[in-house]
Amino acid sequence: MSAETPPFRELHLIVGFDGSAPALRTLDTAARMLSVRPPGRMTVVWVAHLGSAVELSADAVAVVESDFDQVAAELRGEAAKRLDPAGVAWDFSWRQGLIAPELIAAAESVQAAEPEDVVVILVGSSSTAMHRLVGSVAVTLARHSPVPVTVVP
């Protein structure tokens, strides 16, 4: 009798990206992970966030959304500069809302569409001491994510 080897599952990384130094390290780490463990791909996710106390007119919302589109295009370009030469499969998504819940939603969306994939969220560690005391995106993800979370120092 021979044991069957289970099929190799594709790795799908959800990478939180805002252009900061920790986010750039996370993007580079994700690319290295995919280059040594194919098959896989990543979705680079930027989450735009407006404070809940902000009430804007319809015209102001249109201006802010236009600004978000511009920031998203710049971040997509930065990601392309780092990822295209690495030869990894990737796409870019921007969402609006609270960062941790939006990253979780992105992971759940991939998991629902590709239930056989291994989905992992990667984020950079917070660079401020205050976040380490009162909580950060990484801490929130570690507490609430239904998929594994990797925090890149």
C-alpha atoms as a PDB file:
ATOM      1  CA  MET A   1       0.000   0.000   0.000  1.00  0.00           C
ATOM      2  CA  SER A   2       1.292   3.472  -0.830  1.00  0.00           C
ATOM      3  CA  ALA A   3       0.304   6.676   0.848  1.00  0.00           C
ATOM      4  CA  GLU A   4      -0.927   9.356  -1.495  1.00  0.00           C
ATOM      5  CA  THR A   5       0.721  12.743  -1.270  1.00  0.00           C
ATOM      6  CA  PRO A   6      -1.856  15.489  -0.819  1.00  0.00           C
ATOM      7  CA  PRO A   7      -1.876  18.119  -3.568  1.00  0.00           C
ATOM      8  CA  PHE A   8       0.424  21.081  -3.051  1.00  0.00           C
ATOM      9  CA  ARG A   9      -1.763  24.041  -2.173  1.00  0.00           C
ATOM     10  CA  GLU A  10      -1.184  27.495  -3.618  1.00  0.00           C
ATOM     11  CA  LEU A  11      -0.033  30.168  -1.159  1.00  0.00           C
ATOM     12  CA  HIS A  12      -1.932  33.442  -1.401  1.00  0.00           C
ATOM     13  CA  LEU A  13      -0.456  36.307   0.613  1.00  0.00           C
ATOM     14  CA  ILE A  14      -2.536  39.334   1.572  1.00  0.00           C
ATOM     15  CA  VAL A  15       0.031  42.099   2.125  1.00  0.00           C
ATOM     16  CA  GLY A  16      -0.963  45.272   3.955  1.00  0.00           C
ATOM     17  CA  PHE A  17       0.807  48.126   2.192  1.00  0.00           C
ATOM     18  CA  ASP A  18       0.920  51.863   2.856  1.00  0.00           C
ATOM     19  CA  GLY A  19       4.330  52.772   1.438  1.00  0.00           C
ATOM     20  CA  SER A  20       6.004  53.066   4.874  1.00  0.00           C
ATOM     21  CA  ALA A  21       9.379  51.485   5.653  1.00  0.00           C
ATOM     22  CA  PRO A  22       7.762  48.553   7.548  1.00  0.00           C
ATOM     23  CA  ALA A  23       5.358  48.017   4.626  1.00  0.00           C
ATOM     24  CA  LEU A  24       8.234  47.995   2.112  1.00  0.00           C
ATOM     25  CA  ARG A  25      10.050  45.366   4.216  1.00  0.00           C
ATOM     26  CA  THR A  26       6.849  43.334   4.311  1.00  0.00           C
ATOM     27  CA  LEU A  27       6.455  43.540   0.539  1.00  0.00           C
ATOM     28  CA  ASP A  28      10.057  42.385   0.033  1.00  0.00           C
ATOM     29  CA  THR A  29       9.550  39.534   2.519  1.00  0.00           C
ATOM     30  CA  ALA A  30       6.395  38.405   0.734  1.00  0.00           C
ATOM     31  CA  ALA A  31       8.203  38.387  -2.612  1.00  0.00           C
ATOM     32  CA  ARG A  32      11.016  36.271  -1.118  1.00  0.00           C
ATOM     33  CA  MET A  33       8.490  33.865   0.400  1.00  0.00           C
ATOM     34  CA  LEU A  34       6.805  33.346  -2.959  1.00  0.00           C
ATOM     35  CA  SER A  35      10.094  32.927  -4.798  1.00  0.00           C
ATOM     36  CA  VAL A  36      11.138  30.022  -2.551  1.00  0.00           C
ATOM     37  CA  ARG A  37       7.713  28.423  -2.130  1.00  0.00           C
ATOM     38  CA  PRO A  38       5.848  28.351  -5.414  1.00  0.00           C
ATOM     39  CA  PRO A  39       3.089  28.153  -6.477  1.00  0.00           C
ATOM     40  CA  GLY A  40       1.711  31.341  -5.059  1.00  0.00           C
ATOM     41  CA  ARG A  41       0.601  34.880  -5.539  1.00  0.00           C
ATOM     42  CA  MET A  42      -0.030  37.981  -3.502  1.00  0.00           C
ATOM     43  CA  THR A  43      -2.618  40.672  -3.234  1.00  0.00           C
ATOM     44  CA  VAL A  44      -1.155  43.993  -2.125  1.00  0.00           C
ATOM     45  CA  VAL A  45      -3.836  45.858  -0.180  1.00  0.00           C
ATOM     46  CA  TRP A  46      -3.886  49.527   0.754  1.00  0.00           C
ATOM     47  CA  VAL A  47      -6.664  50.587   3.110  1.00  0.00           C
ATOM     48  CA  ALA A  48      -7.722  54.233   2.997  1.00  0.00           C
ATOM     49  CA  HIS A  49      -9.206  55.402   6.249  1.00  0.00           C
ATOM     50  CA  LEU A  50     -11.226  58.491   7.112  1.00  0.00           C
ATOM     51  CA  GLY A  51     -11.876  59.134  10.774  1.00  0.00           C
ATOM     52  CA  SER A  52     -15.438  58.327  11.760  1.00  0.00           C
ATOM     53  CA  ALA A  53     -15.904  61.809  13.211  1.00  0.00           C
ATOM     54  CA  VAL A  54     -15.405  63.399   9.815  1.00  0.00           C
ATOM     55  CA  GLU A  55     -18.624  64.447   8.110  1.00  0.00           C
ATOM     56  CA  LEU A  56     -18.109  65.615   4.557  1.00  0.00           C
ATOM     57  CA  SER A  57     -20.348  67.035   1.891  1.00  0.00           C
ATOM     58  CA  ALA A  58     -20.870  65.059  -1.303  1.00  0.00           C
ATOM     59  CA  ASP A  59     -18.420  67.379  -3.115  1.00  0.00           C
ATOM     60  CA  ALA A  60     -15.796  66.893  -0.416  1.00  0.00           C
ATOM     61  CA  VAL A  61     -16.250  63.102  -0.555  1.00  0.00           C
ATOM     62  CA  ALA A  62     -15.657  63.215  -4.331  1.00  0.00           C
ATOM     63  CA  VAL A  63     -12.421  65.164  -3.792  1.00  0.00           C
ATOM     64  CA  VAL A  64     -11.238  62.757  -1.079  1.00  0.00           C
ATOM     65  CA  GLU A  65     -12.026  59.722  -3.254  1.00  0.00           C
ATOM     66  CA  SER A  66     -10.104  61.305  -6.119  1.00  0.00           C
ATOM     67  CA  ASP A  67      -7.165  61.817  -3.757  1.00  0.00           C
ATOM     68  CA  PHE A  68      -7.470  58.176  -2.650  1.00  0.00           C
ATOM     69  CA  ASP A  69      -7.343  57.083  -6.297  1.00  0.00           C
ATOM     70  CA  GLN A  70      -4.144  59.086  -6.763  1.00  0.00           C
ATOM     71  CA  VAL A  71      -2.534  57.636  -3.631  1.00  0.00           C
ATOM     72  CA  ALA A  72      -3.562  54.138  -4.700  1.00  0.00           C
ATOM     73  CA  ALA A  73      -1.954  54.668  -8.118  1.00  0.00           C
ATOM     74  CA  GLU A  74       1.279  55.845  -6.476  1.00  0.00           C
ATOM     75  CA  LEU A  75       1.338  52.870  -4.105  1.00  0.00           C
ATOM     76  CA  ARG A  76       0.600  50.457  -6.963  1.00  0.00           C
ATOM     77  CA  GLY A  77       3.549  51.956  -8.850  1.00  0.00           C
ATOM     78  CA  GLU A  78       5.839  51.546  -5.828  1.00  0.00           C
ATOM     79  CA  ALA A  79       4.751  47.929  -5.453  1.00  0.00           C
ATOM     80  CA  ALA A  80       5.342  47.297  -9.169  1.00  0.00           C
ATOM     81  CA  LYS A  81       8.902  48.630  -8.920  1.00  0.00           C
ATOM     82  CA  ARG A  82       9.654  46.061  -6.233  1.00  0.00           C
ATOM     83  CA  LEU A  83       7.570  43.094  -7.365  1.00  0.00           C
ATOM     84  CA  ASP A  84       7.798  43.038 -11.162  1.00  0.00           C
ATOM     85  CA  PRO A  85      11.580  42.400 -11.163  1.00  0.00           C
ATOM     86  CA  ALA A  86      11.031  39.623  -8.593  1.00  0.00           C
ATOM     87  CA  GLY A  87       8.776  37.807 -11.054  1.00  0.00           C
ATOM     88  CA  VAL A  88       6.021  36.992  -8.586  1.00  0.00           C
ATOM     89  CA  ALA A  89       2.326  36.972  -9.441  1.00  0.00           C
ATOM     90  CA  TRP A  90       0.553  39.856  -7.737  1.00  0.00           C
ATOM     91  CA  ASP A  91      -2.326  42.278  -7.928  1.00  0.00           C
ATOM     92  CA  PHE A  92      -3.273  45.459  -6.103  1.00  0.00           C
ATOM     93  CA  SER A  93      -6.443  46.342  -4.283  1.00  0.00           C
ATOM     94  CA  TRP A  94      -7.491  49.375  -2.318  1.00  0.00           C
ATOM     95  CA  ARG A  95     -10.249  49.403   0.208  1.00  0.00           C
ATOM     96  CA  GLN A  96     -11.793  52.014   2.412  1.00  0.00           C
ATOM     97  CA  GLY A  97     -12.428  51.483   6.109  1.00  0.00           C
ATOM     98  CA  LEU A  98     -10.629  50.260   9.200  1.00  0.00           C
ATOM     99  CA  ILE A  99      -7.346  48.591   8.330  1.00  0.00           C
ATOM    100  CA  ALA A 100      -7.474  45.285  10.210  1.00  0.00           C
ATOM    101  CA  PRO A 101     -11.098  44.438   9.320  1.00  0.00           C
ATOM    102  CA  GLU A 102     -10.447  45.305   5.663  1.00  0.00           C
ATOM    103  CA  LEU A 103      -7.362  43.065   5.512  1.00  0.00           C
ATOM    104  CA  ILE A 104      -9.406  40.269   7.086  1.00  0.00           C
ATOM    105  CA  ALA A 105     -12.181  40.869   4.539  1.00  0.00           C
ATOM    106  CA  ALA A 106      -9.643  40.652   1.702  1.00  0.00           C
ATOM    107  CA  ALA A 107      -8.331  37.348   3.089  1.00  0.00           C
ATOM    108  CA  GLU A 108     -11.853  35.957   3.524  1.00  0.00           C
ATOM    109  CA  SER A 109     -12.713  36.975  -0.033  1.00  0.00           C
ATOM    110  CA  VAL A 110      -9.720  35.050  -1.406  1.00  0.00           C
ATOM    111  CA  GLN A 111     -10.505  32.095   0.827  1.00  0.00           C
ATOM    112  CA  ALA A 112     -14.121  32.014  -0.381  1.00  0.00           C
ATOM    113  CA  ALA A 113     -13.080  32.209  -4.046  1.00  0.00           C
ATOM    114  CA  GLU A 114     -10.156  29.782  -3.722  1.00  0.00           C
ATOM    115  CA  PRO A 115     -10.944  27.448  -0.792  1.00  0.00           C
ATOM    116  CA  GLU A 116      -7.965  25.194  -1.544  1.00  0.00           C
ATOM    117  CA  ASP A 117      -5.439  28.064  -1.261  1.00  0.00           C
ATOM    118  CA  VAL A 118      -3.440  28.691   1.895  1.00  0.00           C
ATOM    119  CA  VAL A 119      -4.194  32.332   2.729  1.00  0.00           C
ATOM    120  CA  VAL A 120      -1.872  34.321   5.006  1.00  0.00           C
ATOM    121  CA  ILE A 121      -1.961  38.010   5.941  1.00  0.00           C
ATOM    122  CA  LEU A 122       1.416  39.797   6.160  1.00  0.00           C
ATOM    123  CA  VAL A 123       1.838  43.192   7.799  1.00  0.00           C
ATOM    124  CA  GLY A 124       4.743  45.250   9.038  1.00  0.00           C
ATOM    125  CA  SER A 125       5.243  45.843  12.716  1.00  0.00           C
ATOM    126  CA  SER A 126       4.320  49.210  14.120  1.00  0.00           C
ATOM    127  CA  SER A 127       7.200  51.613  14.380  1.00  0.00           C
ATOM    128  CA  THR A 128       5.702  53.581  17.260  1.00  0.00           C
ATOM    129  CA  ALA A 129       5.869  52.639  20.924  1.00  0.00           C
ATOM    130  CA  MET A 130       2.335  53.916  21.511  1.00  0.00           C
ATOM    131  CA  HIS A 131       0.887  51.287  19.154  1.00  0.00           C
ATOM    132  CA  ARG A 132       2.740  48.574  21.040  1.00  0.00           C
ATOM    133  CA  LEU A 133       1.069  49.768  24.254  1.00  0.00           C
ATOM    134  CA  VAL A 134      -2.498  50.400  23.113  1.00  0.00           C
ATOM    135  CA  GLY A 135      -2.721  48.025  20.175  1.00  0.00           C
ATOM    136  CA  SER A 136      -1.905  48.066  16.529  1.00  0.00           C
ATOM    137  CA  VAL A 137      -3.167  46.620  13.282  1.00  0.00           C
ATOM    138  CA  ALA A 138      -0.904  43.604  13.831  1.00  0.00           C
ATOM    139  CA  VAL A 139      -2.294  42.983  17.324  1.00  0.00           C
ATOM    140  CA  THR A 140      -5.877  43.319  16.105  1.00  0.00           C
ATOM    141  CA  LEU A 141      -5.178  40.901  13.258  1.00  0.00           C
ATOM    142  CA  ALA A 142      -3.549  38.389  15.603  1.00  0.00           C
ATOM    143  CA  ARG A 143      -6.639  38.472  17.810  1.00  0.00           C
ATOM    144  CA  HIS A 144      -9.326  38.360  15.129  1.00  0.00           C
ATOM    145  CA  SER A 145      -8.013  36.927  11.851  1.00  0.00           C
ATOM    146  CA  PRO A 146      -9.432  33.593  10.721  1.00  0.00           C
ATOM    147  CA  VAL A 147      -6.251  32.998   8.692  1.00  0.00           C
ATOM    148  CA  PRO A 148      -2.615  32.964   9.806  1.00  0.00           C
ATOM    149  CA  VAL A 149      -0.941  36.353  10.290  1.00  0.00           C
ATOM    150  CA  THR A 150       2.764  37.085   9.888  1.00  0.00           C
ATOM    151  CA  VAL A 151       4.185  40.294  11.319  1.00  0.00           C
ATOM    152  CA  VAL A 152       7.415  41.411   9.661  1.00  0.00           C
ATOM    153  CA  PRO A 153       9.727  43.349  11.987  1.00  0.00           C
END
